[in-house]
Amino acid sequence: MACGFRRSIACQLSRVLDLPPENLIKSISAVPISRKEEVADFQLSVDSLLENNNDHSRPDTQVQARKLAEKLKCDSVVSEISTGQGTVNFKINRELLTKTVLQQVIKDGSKYGLKSELFSGLPQKKIVVEFSSPNIAKKFHVGHLRSTIIGNFIANLKEALGHQVTRINYLGDWGMQFGLLGTGFQLFGYEEKLQSSPLQHLFERLGVHFDEYSGESFYREKSQEVLKLLDSKGLLQKTIKGTAIVDLSGNGDPSSICTLMRSDGTSLYATRDLAAAIDRMDKYNFDTMIYVTDKGQKKHFQQVFQMLQIMGYDWAERCQHVPFGVVQGMKTRKGDVTFLEDVLNEIRLRMLQNMASLKTTKVLENPQETAERVGLAALIIQDFKGLLLSDYQFSWDRVFQSRGDTGVFLQYTHARLHSLEETFGCGYLNDFNTACLQEPQSVSILQHLLRFDEVLYRSSQDLQPRHIVSYLLTLSHLAGMAHKTLYVKDGPPEVAGARLHLFRAVRSVLANGMKLLGITPVCRM
């Protein structure tokens, strides 16, 4: 993808460099848009080609780029070849760029960017994601909010890439609450019980679903089997106090000792996590299992994975912990926040007030639902802007700013573009004249749309949503600037039709990215 342009450039390079095109595709990147000048569309980093060259007298990349550029020729796809700081730059034929990008966005719909050559040959895997995992005996704490929205994003992204994903909520119950709730609801659809239960449909407010709910108490018996297995391998040691431990260092290092059983014979988290991992491997035969929890549990999971290894389960290396930082300063008007339902209520109230004070707000059929969706977008974008591992200071004022890099701004842009389509949609042309979209604002948007696959690829590599967030915010700013100058109303039909195609493509990609992040785009606000 990048609409096949990357492959086309790779094919030309492969003839000159005598390398297979597949080896070159990931070295060719779309150039980030620049406000100063219209730069090239793609660039090849000469440095990335030389990465495998261990010779310390590496040649000057500037010279290498110039030599390589001299051997390449423009063709029906590439209209201009130049060099930069250690790069060879390629400008795509403008009419071809316009037509191909817009057609591809509309044709691929929700799959735009995911059919890219960057993802070609990607094996389809079975992936288990464990996230959220509150304690059912208590109210849903905001500490679980990050796990829920991060885990949901990871599961969404993996599913979008065609993997078979199982979403698991591992409930800390240790008691009858979960058994009563789960059984009651499954057997009798016990709605009242569920409404009065601690979760109170919170996941459904959040737009999150799970394929499996399991709990600690499910693994009581299996925990005993884990202890027996460790004992049979001579790995389990009894302390003077009567607890059962495993010494992962083998030399008594206190920091490497993991306690698996209390003196009264009851198992602990680690034992139950071992039992759950073994059970899931039997049940799902996963290729990867991802645990989404706060960074305080990093050592716990390191020890669990290490114990699986020494128990003889070589699939332990397929287990991965995605840690995240702590949210500080989250308070509602009632004071310090403890429960998620307070946060959601606060979001709804504040958003309704904000919307009521805006002159641009439309009369809405369901203002409560819109307020909730916009508010959740605001919350998710604030959470996803930085590295997941970073702690961050929560700010209600920053969350609800309608301008700047916020979720409210993303929702506003989406609603505005939807309104544009609704107003002028009947004037769509089946075909459009590419010559009508050659202004700098149009070209910048097209260049940015080209980069979507790269952004998805980066997020798929490191499981960080910030790449997508940054991309969508830039796209929204570009759309906002274009909206001020690229008028649709009262223009010649040919020009209006072309611009509507451009804005529709922006809205489509914006919606795709928002949905991956777990945000439901609104059409009015």
Protein backbone atom coordinates (compact mmCIF):
# COMPACT_ATOMS: atom_id res chain seq x y z
CA MET A 1 0.00 0.00 0.00
CA ALA A 2 0.75 3.59 0.30
CA CYS A 3 -1.33 2.64 -2.69
CA GLY A 4 1.36 0.42 -4.23
CA PHE A 5 3.72 3.38 -4.75
CA ARG A 6 6.23 1.98 -2.28
CA ARG A 7 6.39 -1.33 -4.16
CA SER A 8 6.77 0.48 -7.49
CA ILE A 9 9.77 2.43 -6.13
CA ALA A 10 11.20 -0.76 -4.56
CA CYS A 11 11.00 -2.57 -7.92
CA GLN A 12 13.00 0.16 -9.63
CA LEU A 13 15.56 0.21 -6.80
CA SER A 14 15.87 -3.58 -6.81
CA ARG A 15 17.07 -3.55 -10.43
CA VAL A 16 19.82 -1.04 -9.58
CA LEU A 17 20.83 -2.48 -6.20
CA ASP A 18 20.34 -6.14 -7.16
CA LEU A 19 18.22 -6.80 -4.07
CA PRO A 20 14.71 -8.30 -3.87
CA PRO A 21 11.98 -5.59 -3.65
CA GLU A 22 10.75 -7.18 -0.36
CA ASN A 23 14.10 -6.27 1.27
CA LEU A 24 13.68 -2.62 0.31
CA ILE A 25 10.02 -1.89 1.07
CA LYS A 26 10.52 -1.10 4.77
CA SER A 27 13.43 1.26 3.97
CA ILE A 28 11.12 3.45 1.86
CA SER A 29 9.04 5.78 4.00
CA ALA A 30 6.40 8.40 3.26
CA VAL A 31 7.76 11.87 4.01
CA PRO A 32 5.98 13.70 6.87
CA ILE A 33 4.21 16.80 5.58
CA SER A 34 5.99 20.12 5.97
CA ARG A 35 4.38 23.55 6.26
CA LYS A 36 7.42 25.28 4.75
CA GLU A 37 7.52 23.67 1.34
CA GLU A 38 6.08 20.92 -0.75
CA VAL A 39 8.62 18.15 -0.24
CA ALA A 40 8.86 14.76 -1.94
CA ASP A 41 6.34 12.02 -1.16
CA PHE A 42 8.70 9.15 -0.33
CA GLN A 43 12.31 8.80 0.72
CA LEU A 44 14.80 5.97 0.89
CA SER A 45 17.22 6.16 3.82
CA VAL A 46 20.66 5.16 2.53
CA ASP A 47 21.63 4.55 6.16
CA SER A 48 19.04 1.77 6.48
CA LEU A 49 20.55 0.05 3.43
CA LEU A 50 23.99 0.17 5.02
CA GLU A 51 22.84 -1.10 8.44
CA ASN A 52 24.08 -4.59 7.71
CA ASN A 53 27.49 -3.27 6.69
CA ASN A 54 29.76 -3.81 9.72
CA ASP A 55 32.70 -2.11 8.02
CA HIS A 56 33.69 0.83 10.25
CA SER A 57 34.82 2.89 7.25
CA ARG A 58 31.21 3.31 6.16
CA PRO A 59 30.93 5.49 3.08
CA ASP A 60 29.51 9.01 3.22
CA THR A 61 25.73 8.56 2.97
CA GLN A 62 25.40 11.86 1.11
CA VAL A 63 27.73 10.62 -1.64
CA GLN A 64 26.01 7.23 -1.71
CA ALA A 65 22.58 8.86 -2.06
CA ARG A 66 23.79 11.01 -4.97
CA LYS A 67 25.35 8.03 -6.76
CA LEU A 68 22.19 5.97 -6.34
CA ALA A 69 19.93 8.81 -7.52
CA GLU A 70 21.99 9.16 -10.71
CA LYS A 71 21.25 5.54 -11.63
CA LEU A 72 17.48 5.92 -11.21
CA LYS A 73 15.03 7.23 -13.80
CA CYS A 74 11.67 8.93 -13.61
CA ASP A 75 8.76 6.93 -15.00
CA SER A 76 4.96 7.00 -15.16
CA VAL A 77 4.80 6.78 -11.32
CA VAL A 78 7.82 8.85 -10.18
CA SER A 79 7.94 12.35 -11.65
CA GLU A 80 11.01 13.67 -9.81
CA ILE A 81 14.06 12.17 -8.03
CA SER A 82 16.27 14.24 -5.71
CA THR A 83 18.56 13.75 -2.71
CA GLY A 84 18.43 14.98 0.89
CA GLN A 85 20.52 14.33 4.03
CA GLY A 86 21.50 10.74 3.28
CA THR A 87 18.21 10.10 1.46
CA VAL A 88 16.98 9.62 -2.08
CA ASN A 89 13.65 11.40 -2.50
CA PHE A 90 10.81 10.47 -4.84
CA LYS A 91 7.97 12.71 -5.96
CA ILE A 92 4.92 10.89 -7.30
CA ASN A 93 3.11 12.06 -10.42
CA ARG A 94 0.59 14.49 -8.91
CA GLU A 95 -2.51 13.37 -10.84
CA LEU A 96 -1.72 9.71 -10.19
CA LEU A 97 -1.17 10.44 -6.47
CA THR A 98 -4.53 12.21 -6.16
CA LYS A 99 -6.57 9.65 -8.06
CA THR A 100 -4.95 6.57 -6.50
CA VAL A 101 -5.06 7.72 -2.87
CA LEU A 102 -8.69 8.86 -2.95
CA GLN A 103 -9.88 5.78 -4.83
CA GLN A 104 -7.97 3.50 -2.45
CA VAL A 105 -9.39 5.15 0.69
CA ILE A 106 -12.97 4.82 -0.57
CA LYS A 107 -12.46 1.30 -2.00
CA ASP A 108 -10.69 -0.16 1.06
CA GLY A 109 -13.00 1.53 3.58
CA SER A 110 -12.18 0.34 7.11
CA LYS A 111 -9.26 -1.71 5.72
CA TYR A 112 -7.41 1.31 4.30
CA GLY A 113 -3.77 1.15 5.39
CA LEU A 114 -4.12 -2.44 6.62
CA LYS A 115 -3.72 -3.93 3.13
CA SER A 116 -0.31 -2.30 2.82
CA GLU A 117 2.77 -4.05 1.49
CA LEU A 118 4.23 -3.35 4.96
CA PHE A 119 1.90 -6.06 6.32
CA SER A 120 2.24 -8.50 3.41
CA GLY A 121 3.28 -11.99 4.40
CA LEU A 122 2.13 -11.34 7.96
CA PRO A 123 1.16 -14.74 9.42
CA GLN A 124 -2.30 -14.86 10.99
CA LYS A 125 -1.91 -15.67 14.68
CA LYS A 126 -4.02 -16.70 17.66
CA ILE A 127 -3.66 -13.95 20.23
CA VAL A 128 -4.99 -13.84 23.78
CA VAL A 129 -5.23 -10.41 25.45
CA GLU A 130 -5.93 -10.27 29.19
CA PHE A 131 -6.94 -6.82 30.31
CA SER A 132 -9.14 -4.79 32.67
CA SER A 133 -9.29 -7.49 35.37
CA PRO A 134 -11.03 -5.64 38.22
CA ASN A 135 -11.97 -7.12 41.56
CA ILE A 136 -15.63 -8.04 41.25
CA ALA A 137 -16.19 -7.83 45.01
CA LYS A 138 -15.44 -4.11 44.89
CA LYS A 139 -16.57 -1.26 42.70
CA PHE A 140 -14.71 -0.80 39.39
CA HIS A 141 -11.75 1.35 40.34
CA VAL A 142 -10.26 3.98 38.01
CA GLY A 143 -6.98 2.12 38.33
CA HIS A 144 -8.52 -0.43 35.95
CA LEU A 145 -9.54 2.22 33.42
CA ARG A 146 -6.11 2.37 31.77
CA SER A 147 -5.89 -1.42 31.56
CA THR A 148 -9.34 -1.52 29.96
CA ILE A 149 -8.78 1.11 27.28
CA ILE A 150 -5.18 0.02 26.50
CA GLY A 151 -6.14 -3.67 26.28
CA ASN A 152 -9.12 -2.79 24.09
CA PHE A 153 -6.84 -0.82 21.73
CA ILE A 154 -4.33 -3.68 21.45
CA ALA A 155 -7.12 -6.21 20.79
CA ASN A 156 -8.71 -3.87 18.19
CA LEU A 157 -5.40 -3.40 16.38
CA LYS A 158 -4.56 -7.12 16.33
CA GLU A 159 -8.07 -7.95 15.07
CA ALA A 160 -7.82 -5.30 12.35
CA LEU A 161 -4.60 -6.96 11.17
CA GLY A 162 -6.50 -10.21 10.72
CA HIS A 163 -5.36 -12.08 13.83
CA GLN A 164 -7.75 -14.27 15.80
CA VAL A 165 -8.08 -12.43 19.11
CA THR A 166 -9.55 -13.69 22.39
CA ARG A 167 -10.25 -10.94 24.95
CA ILE A 168 -10.14 -12.16 28.54
CA ASN A 169 -11.22 -10.35 31.69
CA TYR A 170 -9.61 -12.14 34.62
CA LEU A 171 -11.68 -11.09 37.59
CA GLY A 172 -10.11 -10.93 41.03
CA ASP A 173 -12.99 -12.46 42.94
CA TRP A 174 -12.00 -14.89 45.68
CA GLY A 175 -15.57 -15.36 46.69
CA MET A 176 -19.10 -15.98 45.57
CA GLN A 177 -19.81 -12.62 43.94
CA PHE A 178 -18.53 -13.57 40.51
CA GLY A 179 -20.07 -17.02 40.59
CA LEU A 180 -23.48 -15.59 41.45
CA LEU A 181 -23.23 -12.82 38.89
CA GLY A 182 -21.89 -14.95 36.04
CA THR A 183 -24.16 -17.94 36.56
CA GLY A 184 -27.23 -15.83 37.26
CA PHE A 185 -26.80 -13.76 34.15
CA GLN A 186 -25.90 -16.67 31.84
CA LEU A 187 -28.75 -18.90 33.03
CA PHE A 188 -31.48 -16.41 33.68
CA GLY A 189 -30.34 -13.17 32.03
CA TYR A 190 -30.60 -11.67 35.51
CA GLU A 191 -30.62 -8.05 34.36
CA GLU A 192 -31.56 -6.53 37.73
CA LYS A 193 -28.73 -8.37 39.44
CA LEU A 194 -26.31 -7.17 36.79
CA GLN A 195 -27.57 -3.59 37.08
CA SER A 196 -27.05 -3.60 40.83
CA SER A 197 -23.73 -5.40 40.51
CA PRO A 198 -20.42 -3.55 40.84
CA LEU A 199 -19.74 -3.42 37.09
CA GLN A 200 -23.07 -1.83 36.20
CA HIS A 201 -22.55 -2.32 32.52
CA LEU A 202 -19.45 -0.15 32.67
CA PHE A 203 -17.74 -2.04 29.89
CA GLU A 204 -20.77 -1.44 27.62
CA ARG A 205 -20.46 2.30 28.36
CA LEU A 206 -16.92 2.12 27.45
CA GLY A 207 -17.75 0.18 24.24
CA VAL A 208 -15.59 -2.78 25.31
CA HIS A 209 -16.47 -6.45 25.00
CA PHE A 210 -14.86 -9.65 26.30
CA ASP A 211 -14.90 -13.17 24.88
CA GLU A 212 -14.25 -14.77 28.24
CA TYR A 213 -14.68 -13.84 31.86
CA SER A 214 -12.67 -16.03 34.17
CA GLY A 215 -11.70 -15.60 37.79
CA GLU A 216 -9.19 -16.59 40.38
CA SER A 217 -11.55 -19.09 41.98
CA PHE A 218 -11.72 -21.03 38.69
CA TYR A 219 -8.08 -21.96 39.23
CA ARG A 220 -8.12 -23.13 42.86
CA GLU A 221 -7.91 -26.81 41.95
CA LYS A 222 -5.56 -26.24 39.04
CA SER A 223 -3.27 -24.26 41.34
CA GLN A 224 -2.79 -27.43 43.40
CA GLU A 225 -1.76 -29.27 40.21
CA VAL A 226 0.83 -26.55 39.50
CA LEU A 227 2.26 -26.94 43.01
CA LYS A 228 2.45 -30.75 42.58
CA LEU A 229 4.25 -30.37 39.24
CA LEU A 230 6.79 -27.93 40.70
CA ASP A 231 7.29 -30.28 43.64
CA SER A 232 7.79 -33.31 41.37
CA LYS A 233 10.54 -31.39 39.55
CA GLY A 234 12.23 -30.61 42.87
CA LEU A 235 11.65 -26.88 42.43
CA LEU A 236 9.32 -26.27 45.37
CA GLN A 237 10.89 -25.51 48.75
CA LYS A 238 9.20 -25.24 52.16
CA THR A 239 10.27 -22.45 54.51
CA ILE A 240 10.40 -22.61 58.31
CA LYS A 241 7.14 -20.63 58.36
CA GLY A 242 5.49 -23.33 56.26
CA THR A 243 5.16 -21.33 53.04
CA ALA A 244 6.04 -22.90 49.66
CA ILE A 245 8.54 -20.98 47.52
CA VAL A 246 10.52 -21.27 44.29
CA ASP A 247 14.03 -19.83 44.22
CA LEU A 248 14.44 -18.60 40.64
CA SER A 249 18.09 -17.62 41.16
CA GLY A 250 19.06 -21.01 42.56
CA ASN A 251 21.34 -19.35 45.12
CA GLY A 252 18.93 -17.90 47.67
CA ASP A 253 18.84 -14.37 46.26
CA PRO A 254 15.83 -12.84 48.15
CA SER A 255 14.76 -10.74 45.14
CA SER A 256 14.36 -13.93 43.06
CA ILE A 257 12.21 -15.85 45.53
CA CYS A 258 8.58 -16.29 44.55
CA THR A 259 6.04 -17.42 47.16
CA LEU A 260 3.40 -19.76 45.73
CA MET A 261 1.55 -21.04 48.80
CA ARG A 262 0.75 -19.64 52.23
CA SER A 263 1.37 -21.66 55.38
CA ASP A 264 -2.37 -22.49 55.54
CA GLY A 265 -2.16 -24.19 52.11
CA THR A 266 -3.92 -21.49 50.06
CA SER A 267 -2.38 -20.47 46.75
CA LEU A 268 -1.32 -16.95 45.74
CA TYR A 269 -1.59 -14.78 42.60
CA ALA A 270 1.49 -16.28 40.99
CA THR A 271 0.21 -19.86 41.38
CA ARG A 272 -3.15 -18.94 39.94
CA ASP A 273 -1.57 -17.03 37.05
CA LEU A 274 0.56 -20.09 36.26
CA ALA A 275 -2.54 -22.30 36.32
CA ALA A 276 -4.47 -19.82 34.13
CA ALA A 277 -1.64 -19.59 31.56
CA ILE A 278 -1.38 -23.40 31.26
CA ASP A 279 -5.16 -23.69 30.96
CA ARG A 280 -5.31 -21.03 28.23
CA MET A 281 -2.57 -22.72 26.24
CA ASP A 282 -4.56 -25.96 26.35
CA LYS A 283 -7.76 -24.14 25.41
CA TYR A 284 -6.60 -21.64 22.78
CA ASN A 285 -3.17 -22.89 21.62
CA PHE A 286 -2.14 -19.23 21.38
CA ASP A 287 0.80 -17.80 19.45
CA THR A 288 0.97 -14.78 21.77
CA MET A 289 -0.58 -13.95 25.12
CA ILE A 290 -0.50 -10.31 26.22
CA TYR A 291 -1.12 -9.14 29.80
CA VAL A 292 -2.05 -5.46 30.16
CA THR A 293 -1.42 -4.30 33.75
CA ASP A 294 0.31 -1.45 35.56
CA LYS A 295 4.10 -1.34 35.72
CA GLY A 296 4.04 -2.29 39.42
CA GLN A 297 3.38 -5.88 38.29
CA LYS A 298 6.43 -6.07 36.03
CA LYS A 299 8.42 -8.27 38.40
CA HIS A 300 5.41 -10.53 39.06
CA PHE A 301 5.04 -11.35 35.36
CA GLN A 302 8.79 -11.77 34.86
CA GLN A 303 8.71 -14.42 37.60
CA VAL A 304 5.57 -16.11 36.21
CA PHE A 305 7.11 -16.37 32.73
CA GLN A 306 10.40 -17.63 34.20
CA MET A 307 8.58 -20.31 36.23
CA LEU A 308 6.70 -21.50 33.14
CA GLN A 309 10.09 -21.90 31.44
CA ILE A 310 11.61 -23.95 34.24
CA MET A 311 8.44 -26.07 34.39
CA GLY A 312 9.27 -27.08 30.82
CA TYR A 313 6.76 -24.92 28.93
CA ASP A 314 8.82 -23.47 26.08
CA TRP A 315 5.79 -21.43 24.96
CA ALA A 316 6.48 -19.12 27.93
CA GLU A 317 8.44 -16.93 25.50
CA ARG A 318 5.15 -16.23 23.70
CA CYS A 319 3.84 -14.45 26.83
CA GLN A 320 4.24 -10.69 26.96
CA HIS A 321 3.55 -8.06 29.61
CA VAL A 322 2.51 -4.59 28.40
CA PRO A 323 3.02 -2.32 31.44
CA PHE A 324 1.58 1.16 31.86
CA GLY A 325 2.13 4.12 34.19
CA VAL A 326 -0.05 5.66 36.87
CA VAL A 327 -2.66 8.40 36.41
CA GLN A 328 -2.30 11.10 39.04
CA GLY A 329 -4.70 13.80 40.19
CA MET A 330 -7.98 12.40 38.90
CA LYS A 331 -10.64 14.15 40.99
CA THR A 332 -14.34 14.77 40.48
CA ARG A 333 -16.41 17.50 42.11
CA LYS A 334 -17.11 15.04 44.89
CA GLY A 335 -13.40 14.87 45.69
CA ASP A 336 -10.80 12.17 45.03
CA VAL A 337 -11.93 9.67 42.47
CA THR A 338 -12.19 6.05 43.40
CA PHE A 339 -14.79 4.62 41.07
CA LEU A 340 -15.06 4.64 37.33
CA GLU A 341 -18.80 5.32 37.36
CA ASP A 342 -18.01 8.66 39.06
CA VAL A 343 -15.61 9.51 36.24
CA LEU A 344 -18.17 8.61 33.57
CA ASN A 345 -20.85 10.65 35.31
CA GLU A 346 -18.46 13.58 35.59
CA ILE A 347 -17.58 13.27 31.89
CA ARG A 348 -21.23 13.29 30.87
CA LEU A 349 -22.12 16.29 33.05
CA ARG A 350 -19.12 18.39 32.06
CA MET A 351 -19.54 17.59 28.36
CA LEU A 352 -23.25 18.45 28.40
CA GLN A 353 -22.38 21.80 30.02
CA ASN A 354 -19.64 22.46 27.43
CA MET A 355 -21.94 21.57 24.55
CA ALA A 356 -24.72 23.80 25.91
CA SER A 357 -22.36 26.78 26.03
CA LEU A 358 -21.11 26.36 22.43
CA LYS A 359 -22.88 28.42 19.77
CA THR A 360 -22.11 25.81 17.12
CA THR A 361 -23.83 22.93 18.95
CA LYS A 362 -26.61 21.34 16.90
CA VAL A 363 -29.93 20.21 18.35
CA LEU A 364 -29.19 16.57 19.17
CA GLU A 365 -31.54 13.60 19.30
CA ASN A 366 -29.60 12.04 22.15
CA PRO A 367 -27.40 14.64 23.88
CA GLN A 368 -26.54 12.25 26.76
CA GLU A 369 -25.07 9.65 24.38
CA THR A 370 -23.18 12.27 22.36
CA ALA A 371 -21.77 13.82 25.55
CA GLU A 372 -20.62 10.40 26.70
CA ARG A 373 -18.94 9.54 23.38
CA VAL A 374 -17.21 12.90 23.10
CA GLY A 375 -16.18 12.74 26.76
CA LEU A 376 -14.74 9.25 26.40
CA ALA A 377 -12.82 10.35 23.30
CA ALA A 378 -11.40 13.20 25.39
CA LEU A 379 -10.37 10.80 28.14
CA ILE A 380 -8.83 8.24 25.75
CA ILE A 381 -6.83 10.81 23.75
CA GLN A 382 -5.38 12.39 26.90
CA ASP A 383 -4.40 8.90 28.09
CA PHE A 384 -2.89 7.78 24.75
CA LYS A 385 -0.88 10.89 23.82
CA GLY A 386 2.31 9.82 25.58
CA LEU A 387 4.22 6.59 26.16
CA LEU A 388 2.02 4.07 27.95
CA LEU A 389 4.76 3.45 30.50
CA SER A 390 4.79 7.12 31.58
CA ASP A 391 2.84 8.35 34.59
CA TYR A 392 0.80 11.42 33.78
CA GLN A 393 -1.04 14.19 35.56
CA PHE A 394 -4.74 14.15 34.79
CA SER A 395 -6.44 17.48 34.00
CA TRP A 396 -10.17 17.93 33.39
CA ASP A 397 -9.57 21.35 31.80
CA ARG A 398 -7.09 19.92 29.30
CA VAL A 399 -9.38 16.96 28.55
CA PHE A 400 -12.30 19.17 27.52
CA GLN A 401 -10.55 21.83 25.46
CA SER A 402 -12.34 22.01 22.11
CA ARG A 403 -9.25 23.34 20.34
CA GLY A 404 -5.76 21.92 20.41
CA ASP A 405 -4.72 18.31 20.58
CA THR A 406 -7.72 16.76 22.31
CA GLY A 407 -10.33 14.08 21.74
CA VAL A 408 -13.02 16.79 21.65
CA PHE A 409 -11.21 18.33 18.65
CA LEU A 410 -11.12 14.95 16.85
CA GLN A 411 -14.84 14.42 17.42
CA TYR A 412 -15.61 17.99 16.34
CA THR A 413 -13.62 17.52 13.10
CA HIS A 414 -15.40 14.25 12.34
CA ALA A 415 -18.84 15.79 12.98
CA ARG A 416 -18.00 18.82 10.86
CA LEU A 417 -16.88 16.70 7.90
CA HIS A 418 -19.96 14.50 8.26
CA SER A 419 -22.14 17.60 8.15
CA LEU A 420 -20.36 18.69 4.95
CA GLU A 421 -21.18 15.34 3.32
CA GLU A 422 -24.78 15.51 4.50
CA THR A 423 -25.25 19.01 3.14
CA PHE A 424 -23.63 18.55 -0.28
CA GLY A 425 -23.53 14.75 -0.64
CA CYS A 426 -26.20 14.68 -3.32
CA GLY A 427 -23.83 16.59 -5.59
CA TYR A 428 -21.21 13.81 -5.59
CA LEU A 429 -19.70 12.95 -8.92
CA ASN A 430 -18.93 9.30 -9.58
CA ASP A 431 -15.66 10.42 -11.05
CA PHE A 432 -13.66 13.52 -10.14
CA ASN A 433 -11.14 15.68 -11.89
CA THR A 434 -7.72 15.23 -10.27
CA ALA A 435 -6.60 18.58 -11.69
CA CYS A 436 -9.01 20.26 -9.21
CA LEU A 437 -7.00 19.06 -6.20
CA GLN A 438 -3.54 20.48 -6.80
CA GLU A 439 -3.57 23.29 -4.17
CA PRO A 440 -0.92 22.96 -1.42
CA GLN A 441 -3.64 22.18 1.21
CA SER A 442 -5.00 19.31 -0.91
CA VAL A 443 -1.54 17.91 -1.61
CA SER A 444 -0.61 18.06 2.10
CA ILE A 445 -3.72 16.05 3.00
CA LEU A 446 -3.01 13.47 0.28
CA GLN A 447 0.62 13.15 1.45
CA HIS A 448 -0.60 12.65 5.02
CA LEU A 449 -3.16 10.02 3.95
CA LEU A 450 -0.24 8.18 2.30
CA ARG A 451 1.42 7.73 5.71
CA PHE A 452 -1.47 5.96 7.48
CA ASP A 453 -0.14 2.46 6.80
CA GLU A 454 3.27 3.36 8.27
CA VAL A 455 1.64 4.71 11.41
CA LEU A 456 -0.42 1.52 11.82
CA TYR A 457 2.74 -0.52 11.24
CA ARG A 458 4.65 1.37 13.95
CA SER A 459 1.80 0.85 16.44
CA SER A 460 1.63 -2.84 15.54
CA GLN A 461 5.36 -3.16 16.28
CA ASP A 462 5.50 -1.48 19.70
CA LEU A 463 1.77 -1.59 20.71
CA GLN A 464 1.83 2.16 21.46
CA PRO A 465 -1.32 4.09 20.46
CA ARG A 466 0.48 7.47 20.48
CA HIS A 467 1.57 7.09 16.82
CA ILE A 468 -2.07 6.85 15.72
CA VAL A 469 -3.14 9.68 18.07
CA SER A 470 -0.48 12.03 16.71
CA TYR A 471 -1.40 11.11 13.12
CA LEU A 472 -5.14 11.75 13.65
CA LEU A 473 -4.54 15.09 15.36
CA THR A 474 -2.36 16.25 12.44
CA LEU A 475 -5.00 15.01 9.98
CA SER A 476 -7.66 17.01 11.86
CA HIS A 477 -5.54 20.17 11.83
CA LEU A 478 -4.92 19.77 8.08
CA ALA A 479 -8.65 19.26 7.49
CA GLY A 480 -9.45 22.35 9.58
CA MET A 481 -7.07 24.53 7.54
CA ALA A 482 -8.37 23.12 4.24
CA HIS A 483 -11.99 23.64 5.29
CA LYS A 484 -11.34 27.39 5.58
CA THR A 485 -10.02 27.78 2.02
CA LEU A 486 -11.25 24.85 -0.09
CA TYR A 487 -14.89 25.90 -0.37
CA VAL A 488 -17.47 23.38 -1.53
CA LYS A 489 -20.46 25.72 -1.50
CA ASP A 490 -21.08 27.91 -4.58
CA GLY A 491 -18.04 26.51 -6.41
CA PRO A 492 -18.04 24.96 -9.91
CA PRO A 493 -19.55 21.42 -9.66
CA GLU A 494 -16.31 19.82 -10.83
CA VAL A 495 -14.26 21.53 -8.11
CA ALA A 496 -16.92 20.95 -5.43
CA GLY A 497 -17.10 17.24 -6.30
CA ALA A 498 -13.32 16.80 -6.12
CA ARG A 499 -13.13 18.59 -2.76
CA LEU A 500 -15.98 16.51 -1.35
CA HIS A 501 -14.07 13.37 -2.32
CA LEU A 502 -11.03 14.71 -0.46
CA PHE A 503 -12.99 15.58 2.69
CA ARG A 504 -14.84 12.25 2.59
CA ALA A 505 -11.47 10.44 2.46
CA VAL A 506 -10.26 12.43 5.48
CA ARG A 507 -13.41 11.60 7.46
CA SER A 508 -13.13 7.90 6.55
CA VAL A 509 -9.50 7.61 7.72
CA LEU A 510 -10.25 9.69 10.82
CA ALA A 511 -13.12 7.34 11.73
CA ASN A 512 -10.92 4.26 11.09
CA GLY A 513 -8.20 5.51 13.41
CA MET A 514 -10.64 6.58 16.13
CA LYS A 515 -12.36 3.18 16.13
CA LEU A 516 -8.99 1.42 16.53
CA LEU A 517 -8.36 3.57 19.61
CA GLY A 518 -11.74 2.54 21.03
CA ILE A 519 -13.55 5.80 20.20
CA THR A 520 -17.01 5.87 18.63
CA PRO A 521 -17.05 8.81 16.15
CA VAL A 522 -20.04 11.15 16.49
CA CYS A 523 -21.82 12.63 13.47
CA ARG A 524 -23.28 15.64 15.28
CA MET A 525 -22.19 17.73 18.24
